[in-house]
Amino acid sequence: MAVREFRQPSDAMHKARPTVADKRRAFHQMHESGCFAIPNPWDVGSALYLQGLGFKALATTSSGFAWSQ
């Protein structure tokens, strides 16, 4: 029988995911500060890329996803 090493979860794993209410509040705050750009990714790759660029919100598109297939 193999012995497994027990590891403590990282701090990132302990961080609570934002609730829907948290997300709504953050999106509302973005509108209060004036105009902002909200990009429309076509697939997971472009969504992750845009998130990496620092966009705090992304739009959705069913046709963008359909055309990416």
PDB file of N, CA and C in Angstrom:
ATOM      1  N   MET A   1       0.838  -1.169   0.000  1.00  0.00           N
ATOM      2  CA  MET A   1       0.000   0.000   0.000  1.00  0.00           C
ATOM      3  C   MET A   1       0.893   1.246   0.000  1.00  0.00           C
ATOM      4  N   ALA A   2       0.642   2.153  -0.942  1.00  0.00           N
ATOM      5  CA  ALA A   2       1.430   3.374  -1.056  1.00  0.00           C
ATOM      6  C   ALA A   2       0.963   4.406  -0.039  1.00  0.00           C
ATOM      7  N   VAL A   3       1.909   5.156   0.478  1.00  0.00           N
ATOM      8  CA  VAL A   3       1.593   6.225   1.421  1.00  0.00           C
ATOM      9  C   VAL A   3       1.548   7.526   0.631  1.00  0.00           C
ATOM     10  N   ARG A   4       0.463   8.245   0.773  1.00  0.00           N
ATOM     11  CA  ARG A   4       0.321   9.518   0.066  1.00  0.00           C
ATOM     12  C   ARG A   4       0.671  10.672   0.996  1.00  0.00           C
ATOM     13  N   GLU A   5       1.320  11.647   0.414  1.00  0.00           N
ATOM     14  CA  GLU A   5       1.673  12.837   1.178  1.00  0.00           C
ATOM     15  C   GLU A   5       0.458  13.755   1.247  1.00  0.00           C
ATOM     16  N   PHE A   6       0.138  14.243   2.423  1.00  0.00           N
ATOM     17  CA  PHE A   6      -0.973  15.173   2.589  1.00  0.00           C
ATOM     18  C   PHE A   6      -0.455  16.588   2.415  1.00  0.00           C
ATOM     19  N   ARG A   7      -1.093  17.330   1.541  1.00  0.00           N
ATOM     20  CA  ARG A   7      -0.699  18.720   1.315  1.00  0.00           C
ATOM     21  C   ARG A   7      -1.835  19.642   1.716  1.00  0.00           C
ATOM     22  N   GLN A   8      -1.472  20.739   2.327  1.00  0.00           N
ATOM     23  CA  GLN A   8      -2.459  21.747   2.679  1.00  0.00           C
ATOM     24  C   GLN A   8      -2.901  22.468   1.401  1.00  0.00           C
ATOM     25  N   PRO A   9      -4.194  22.763   1.268  1.00  0.00           N
ATOM     26  CA  PRO A   9      -4.654  23.515   0.090  1.00  0.00           C
ATOM     27  C   PRO A   9      -4.029  24.903   0.063  1.00  0.00           C
ATOM     28  N   SER A  10      -3.799  25.404  -1.119  1.00  0.00           N
ATOM     29  CA  SER A  10      -3.205  26.735  -1.249  1.00  0.00           C
ATOM     30  C   SER A  10      -4.224  27.797  -0.853  1.00  0.00           C
ATOM     31  N   ASP A  11      -3.726  29.009  -0.634  1.00  0.00           N
ATOM     32  CA  ASP A  11      -4.618  30.116  -0.286  1.00  0.00           C
ATOM     33  C   ASP A  11      -5.632  30.371  -1.393  1.00  0.00           C
ATOM     34  N   ALA A  12      -5.233  30.158  -2.639  1.00  0.00           N
ATOM     35  CA  ALA A  12      -6.137  30.382  -3.763  1.00  0.00           C
ATOM     36  C   ALA A  12      -7.352  29.461  -3.675  1.00  0.00           C
ATOM     37  N   MET A  13      -7.164  28.259  -3.162  1.00  0.00           N
ATOM     38  CA  MET A  13      -8.272  27.324  -3.052  1.00  0.00           C
ATOM     39  C   MET A  13      -9.226  27.732  -1.932  1.00  0.00           C
ATOM     40  N   HIS A  14      -8.723  28.465  -0.962  1.00  0.00           N
ATOM     41  CA  HIS A  14      -9.555  28.902   0.148  1.00  0.00           C
ATOM     42  C   HIS A  14     -10.345  30.149  -0.193  1.00  0.00           C
ATOM     43  N   LYS A  15      -9.962  30.851  -1.224  1.00  0.00           N
ATOM     44  CA  LYS A  15     -10.622  32.076  -1.615  1.00  0.00           C
ATOM     45  C   LYS A  15     -12.012  31.735  -2.158  1.00  0.00           C
ATOM     46  N   ALA A  16     -13.016  32.353  -1.597  1.00  0.00           N
ATOM     47  CA  ALA A  16     -14.382  32.082  -2.036  1.00  0.00           C
ATOM     48  C   ALA A  16     -14.625  32.662  -3.422  1.00  0.00           C
ATOM     49  N   ARG A  17     -15.333  31.920  -4.227  1.00  0.00           N
ATOM     50  CA  ARG A  17     -15.714  32.421  -5.550  1.00  0.00           C
ATOM     51  C   ARG A  17     -16.782  33.488  -5.367  1.00  0.00           C
ATOM     52  N   PRO A  18     -16.791  34.508  -6.224  1.00  0.00           N
ATOM     53  CA  PRO A  18     -17.799  35.563  -6.077  1.00  0.00           C
ATOM     54  C   PRO A  18     -19.204  35.017  -6.338  1.00  0.00           C
ATOM     55  N   THR A  19     -20.148  35.509  -5.572  1.00  0.00           N
ATOM     56  CA  THR A  19     -21.536  35.111  -5.764  1.00  0.00           C
ATOM     57  C   THR A  19     -22.124  35.901  -6.933  1.00  0.00           C
ATOM     58  N   VAL A  20     -23.320  35.536  -7.348  1.00  0.00           N
ATOM     59  CA  VAL A  20     -24.003  36.283  -8.398  1.00  0.00           C
ATOM     60  C   VAL A  20     -24.228  37.719  -7.937  1.00  0.00           C
ATOM     61  N   ALA A  21     -24.573  37.890  -6.669  1.00  0.00           N
ATOM     62  CA  ALA A  21     -24.770  39.240  -6.129  1.00  0.00           C
ATOM     63  C   ALA A  21     -23.471  40.051  -6.188  1.00  0.00           C
ATOM     64  N   ASP A  22     -22.338  39.422  -5.894  1.00  0.00           N
ATOM     65  CA  ASP A  22     -21.038  40.100  -5.989  1.00  0.00           C
ATOM     66  C   ASP A  22     -20.764  40.538  -7.426  1.00  0.00           C
ATOM     67  N   LYS A  23     -21.049  39.657  -8.367  1.00  0.00           N
ATOM     68  CA  LYS A  23     -20.816  39.968  -9.785  1.00  0.00           C
ATOM     69  C   LYS A  23     -21.726  41.100 -10.252  1.00  0.00           C
ATOM     70  N   ARG A  24     -22.984  41.058  -9.813  1.00  0.00           N
ATOM     71  CA  ARG A  24     -23.925  42.117 -10.168  1.00  0.00           C
ATOM     72  C   ARG A  24     -23.451  43.460  -9.636  1.00  0.00           C
ATOM     73  N   ARG A  25     -23.015  43.468  -8.380  1.00  0.00           N
ATOM     74  CA  ARG A  25     -22.536  44.694  -7.745  1.00  0.00           C
ATOM     75  C   ARG A  25     -21.322  45.257  -8.495  1.00  0.00           C
ATOM     76  N   ALA A  26     -20.387  44.395  -8.848  1.00  0.00           N
ATOM     77  CA  ALA A  26     -19.188  44.837  -9.575  1.00  0.00           C
ATOM     78  C   ALA A  26     -19.555  45.397 -10.943  1.00  0.00           C
ATOM     79  N   PHE A  27     -20.498  44.761 -11.641  1.00  0.00           N
ATOM     80  CA  PHE A  27     -20.917  45.231 -12.960  1.00  0.00           C
ATOM     81  C   PHE A  27     -21.620  46.587 -12.835  1.00  0.00           C
ATOM     82  N   HIS A  28     -22.426  46.737 -11.803  1.00  0.00           N
ATOM     83  CA  HIS A  28     -23.105  48.012 -11.566  1.00  0.00           C
ATOM     84  C   HIS A  28     -22.080  49.119 -11.298  1.00  0.00           C
ATOM     85  N   GLN A  29     -21.048  48.819 -10.529  1.00  0.00           N
ATOM     86  CA  GLN A  29     -20.010  49.801 -10.229  1.00  0.00           C
ATOM     87  C   GLN A  29     -19.270  50.232 -11.489  1.00  0.00           C
ATOM     88  N   MET A  30     -19.110  49.311 -12.430  1.00  0.00           N
ATOM     89  CA  MET A  30     -18.457  49.668 -13.694  1.00  0.00           C
ATOM     90  C   MET A  30     -19.283  50.718 -14.437  1.00  0.00           C
ATOM     91  N   HIS A  31     -20.605  50.606 -14.386  1.00  0.00           N
ATOM     92  CA  HIS A  31     -21.477  51.583 -15.038  1.00  0.00           C
ATOM     93  C   HIS A  31     -21.453  52.938 -14.333  1.00  0.00           C
ATOM     94  N   GLU A  32     -21.288  52.940 -13.031  1.00  0.00           N
ATOM     95  CA  GLU A  32     -21.255  54.195 -12.280  1.00  0.00           C
ATOM     96  C   GLU A  32     -20.043  55.048 -12.622  1.00  0.00           C
ATOM     97  N   SER A  33     -18.952  54.405 -13.024  1.00  0.00           N
ATOM     98  CA  SER A  33     -17.728  55.159 -13.300  1.00  0.00           C
ATOM     99  C   SER A  33     -17.705  55.739 -14.715  1.00  0.00           C
ATOM    100  N   GLY A  34     -18.755  55.555 -15.485  1.00  0.00           N
ATOM    101  CA  GLY A  34     -18.823  56.123 -16.829  1.00  0.00           C
ATOM    102  C   GLY A  34     -18.786  55.047 -17.897  1.00  0.00           C
ATOM    103  N   CYS A  35     -18.315  55.418 -19.053  1.00  0.00           N
ATOM    104  CA  CYS A  35     -18.263  54.492 -20.190  1.00  0.00           C
ATOM    105  C   CYS A  35     -17.123  53.492 -20.015  1.00  0.00           C
ATOM    106  N   PHE A  36     -17.333  52.298 -20.546  1.00  0.00           N
ATOM    107  CA  PHE A  36     -16.277  51.302 -20.546  1.00  0.00           C
ATOM    108  C   PHE A  36     -16.484  50.378 -21.747  1.00  0.00           C
ATOM    109  N   ALA A  37     -15.412  49.754 -22.165  1.00  0.00           N
ATOM    110  CA  ALA A  37     -15.478  48.817 -23.299  1.00  0.00           C
ATOM    111  C   ALA A  37     -15.756  47.420 -22.765  1.00  0.00           C
ATOM    112  N   ILE A  38     -16.660  46.726 -23.435  1.00  0.00           N
ATOM    113  CA  ILE A  38     -16.960  45.350 -23.057  1.00  0.00           C
ATOM    114  C   ILE A  38     -16.837  44.500 -24.318  1.00  0.00           C
ATOM    115  N   PRO A  39     -15.748  43.738 -24.421  1.00  0.00           N
ATOM    116  CA  PRO A  39     -15.509  42.952 -25.633  1.00  0.00           C
ATOM    117  C   PRO A  39     -16.425  41.728 -25.706  1.00  0.00           C
ATOM    118  N   ASN A  40     -16.537  41.189 -26.900  1.00  0.00           N
ATOM    119  CA  ASN A  40     -17.418  40.075 -27.173  1.00  0.00           C
ATOM    120  C   ASN A  40     -16.591  38.905 -27.720  1.00  0.00           C
ATOM    121  N   PRO A  41     -16.098  38.014 -26.849  1.00  0.00           N
ATOM    122  CA  PRO A  41     -15.271  36.898 -27.325  1.00  0.00           C
ATOM    123  C   PRO A  41     -16.078  35.891 -28.132  1.00  0.00           C
ATOM    124  N   TRP A  42     -15.377  35.173 -29.006  1.00  0.00           N
ATOM    125  CA  TRP A  42     -16.028  34.177 -29.863  1.00  0.00           C
ATOM    126  C   TRP A  42     -15.931  32.774 -29.302  1.00  0.00           C
ATOM    127  N   ASP A  43     -14.949  32.532 -28.458  1.00  0.00           N
ATOM    128  CA  ASP A  43     -14.753  31.178 -27.927  1.00  0.00           C
ATOM    129  C   ASP A  43     -13.996  31.261 -26.607  1.00  0.00           C
ATOM    130  N   VAL A  44     -13.731  30.124 -26.012  1.00  0.00           N
ATOM    131  CA  VAL A  44     -13.048  30.091 -24.717  1.00  0.00           C
ATOM    132  C   VAL A  44     -11.663  30.722 -24.810  1.00  0.00           C
ATOM    133  N   GLY A  45     -10.956  30.428 -25.881  1.00  0.00           N
ATOM    134  CA  GLY A  45      -9.601  30.969 -26.044  1.00  0.00           C
ATOM    135  C   GLY A  45      -9.588  32.481 -26.072  1.00  0.00           C
ATOM    136  N   SER A  46     -10.489  33.078 -26.861  1.00  0.00           N
ATOM    137  CA  SER A  46     -10.512  34.538 -26.931  1.00  0.00           C
ATOM    138  C   SER A  46     -11.025  35.137 -25.615  1.00  0.00           C
ATOM    139  N   ALA A  47     -11.922  34.435 -24.910  1.00  0.00           N
ATOM    140  CA  ALA A  47     -12.399  34.919 -23.612  1.00  0.00           C
ATOM    141  C   ALA A  47     -11.251  34.949 -22.608  1.00  0.00           C
ATOM    142  N   LEU A  48     -10.458  33.893 -22.575  1.00  0.00           N
ATOM    143  CA  LEU A  48      -9.317  33.852 -21.658  1.00  0.00           C
ATOM    144  C   LEU A  48      -8.282  34.907 -22.027  1.00  0.00           C
ATOM    145  N   TYR A  49      -8.075  35.113 -23.315  1.00  0.00           N
ATOM    146  CA  TYR A  49      -7.132  36.130 -23.776  1.00  0.00           C
ATOM    147  C   TYR A  49      -7.592  37.516 -23.324  1.00  0.00           C
ATOM    148  N   LEU A  50      -8.879  37.821 -23.539  1.00  0.00           N
ATOM    149  CA  LEU A  50      -9.414  39.129 -23.156  1.00  0.00           C
ATOM    150  C   LEU A  50      -9.378  39.317 -21.643  1.00  0.00           C
ATOM    151  N   GLN A  51      -9.655  38.262 -20.911  1.00  0.00           N
ATOM    152  CA  GLN A  51      -9.564  38.330 -19.449  1.00  0.00           C
ATOM    153  C   GLN A  51      -8.125  38.632 -19.036  1.00  0.00           C
ATOM    154  N   GLY A  52      -7.174  37.997 -19.707  1.00  0.00           N
ATOM    155  CA  GLY A  52      -5.764  38.229 -19.426  1.00  0.00           C
ATOM    156  C   GLY A  52      -5.318  39.648 -19.734  1.00  0.00           C
ATOM    157  N   LEU A  53      -6.011  40.296 -20.670  1.00  0.00           N
ATOM    158  CA  LEU A  53      -5.705  41.694 -20.990  1.00  0.00           C
ATOM    159  C   LEU A  53      -6.237  42.651 -19.927  1.00  0.00           C
ATOM    160  N   GLY A  54      -7.072  42.131 -19.031  1.00  0.00           N
ATOM    161  CA  GLY A  54      -7.551  42.957 -17.934  1.00  0.00           C
ATOM    162  C   GLY A  54      -9.008  43.359 -17.993  1.00  0.00           C
ATOM    163  N   PHE A  55      -9.746  42.877 -18.995  1.00  0.00           N
ATOM    164  CA  PHE A  55     -11.163  43.213 -19.055  1.00  0.00           C
ATOM    165  C   PHE A  55     -11.885  42.573 -17.874  1.00  0.00           C
ATOM    166  N   LYS A  56     -12.699  43.356 -17.177  1.00  0.00           N
ATOM    167  CA  LYS A  56     -13.411  42.880 -15.988  1.00  0.00           C
ATOM    168  C   LYS A  56     -14.748  42.243 -16.333  1.00  0.00           C
ATOM    169  N   ALA A  57     -15.239  42.481 -17.549  1.00  0.00           N
ATOM    170  CA  ALA A  57     -16.516  41.906 -17.982  1.00  0.00           C
ATOM    171  C   ALA A  57     -16.410  41.556 -19.458  1.00  0.00           C
ATOM    172  N   LEU A  58     -17.118  40.502 -19.844  1.00  0.00           N
ATOM    173  CA  LEU A  58     -17.160  40.072 -21.234  1.00  0.00           C
ATOM    174  C   LEU A  58     -18.608  39.878 -21.640  1.00  0.00           C
ATOM    175  N   ALA A  59     -18.940  40.265 -22.850  1.00  0.00           N
ATOM    176  CA  ALA A  59     -20.279  40.044 -23.380  1.00  0.00           C
ATOM    177  C   ALA A  59     -20.368  38.611 -23.909  1.00  0.00           C
ATOM    178  N   THR A  60     -21.548  38.209 -24.283  1.00  0.00           N
ATOM    179  CA  THR A  60     -21.717  36.879 -24.865  1.00  0.00           C
ATOM    180  C   THR A  60     -22.387  36.999 -26.218  1.00  0.00           C
ATOM    181  N   THR A  61     -22.138  36.032 -27.062  1.00  0.00           N
ATOM    182  CA  THR A  61     -22.741  36.021 -28.378  1.00  0.00           C
ATOM    183  C   THR A  61     -22.987  34.594 -28.823  1.00  0.00           C
ATOM    184  N   SER A  62     -24.200  34.278 -29.167  1.00  0.00           N
ATOM    185  CA  SER A  62     -24.475  32.934 -29.672  1.00  0.00           C
ATOM    186  C   SER A  62     -23.974  32.803 -31.110  1.00  0.00           C
ATOM    187  N   SER A  63     -24.091  33.862 -31.892  1.00  0.00           N
ATOM    188  CA  SER A  63     -23.626  33.761 -33.280  1.00  0.00           C
ATOM    189  C   SER A  63     -22.111  33.683 -33.350  1.00  0.00           C
ATOM    190  N   GLY A  64     -21.425  34.385 -32.446  1.00  0.00           N
ATOM    191  CA  GLY A  64     -19.958  34.289 -32.416  1.00  0.00           C
ATOM    192  C   GLY A  64     -19.512  32.886 -32.140  1.00  0.00           C
ATOM    193  N   PHE A  65     -20.153  32.236 -31.194  1.00  0.00           N
ATOM    194  CA  PHE A  65     -19.815  30.842 -30.898  1.00  0.00           C
ATOM    195  C   PHE A  65     -20.159  29.951 -32.101  1.00  0.00           C
ATOM    196  N   ALA A  66     -21.306  30.169 -32.712  1.00  0.00           N
ATOM    197  CA  ALA A  66     -21.718  29.340 -33.861  1.00  0.00           C
ATOM    198  C   ALA A  66     -20.718  29.464 -35.004  1.00  0.00           C
ATOM    199  N   TRP A  67     -20.253  30.684 -35.283  1.00  0.00           N
ATOM    200  CA  TRP A  67     -19.312  30.889 -36.376  1.00  0.00           C
ATOM    201  C   TRP A  67     -17.907  30.373 -36.049  1.00  0.00           C
ATOM    202  N   SER A  68     -17.616  30.168 -34.775  1.00  0.00           N
ATOM    203  CA  SER A  68     -16.294  29.679 -34.408  1.00  0.00           C
ATOM    204  C   SER A  68     -16.199  28.163 -34.576  1.00  0.00           C
ATOM    205  N   GLN A  69     -17.309  27.490 -34.790  1.00  0.00           N
ATOM    206  CA  GLN A  69     -17.319  26.038 -34.920  1.00  0.00           C
ATOM    207  C   GLN A  69     -17.006  25.581 -36.323  1.00  0.00           C
TER     208      GLN A  69
END
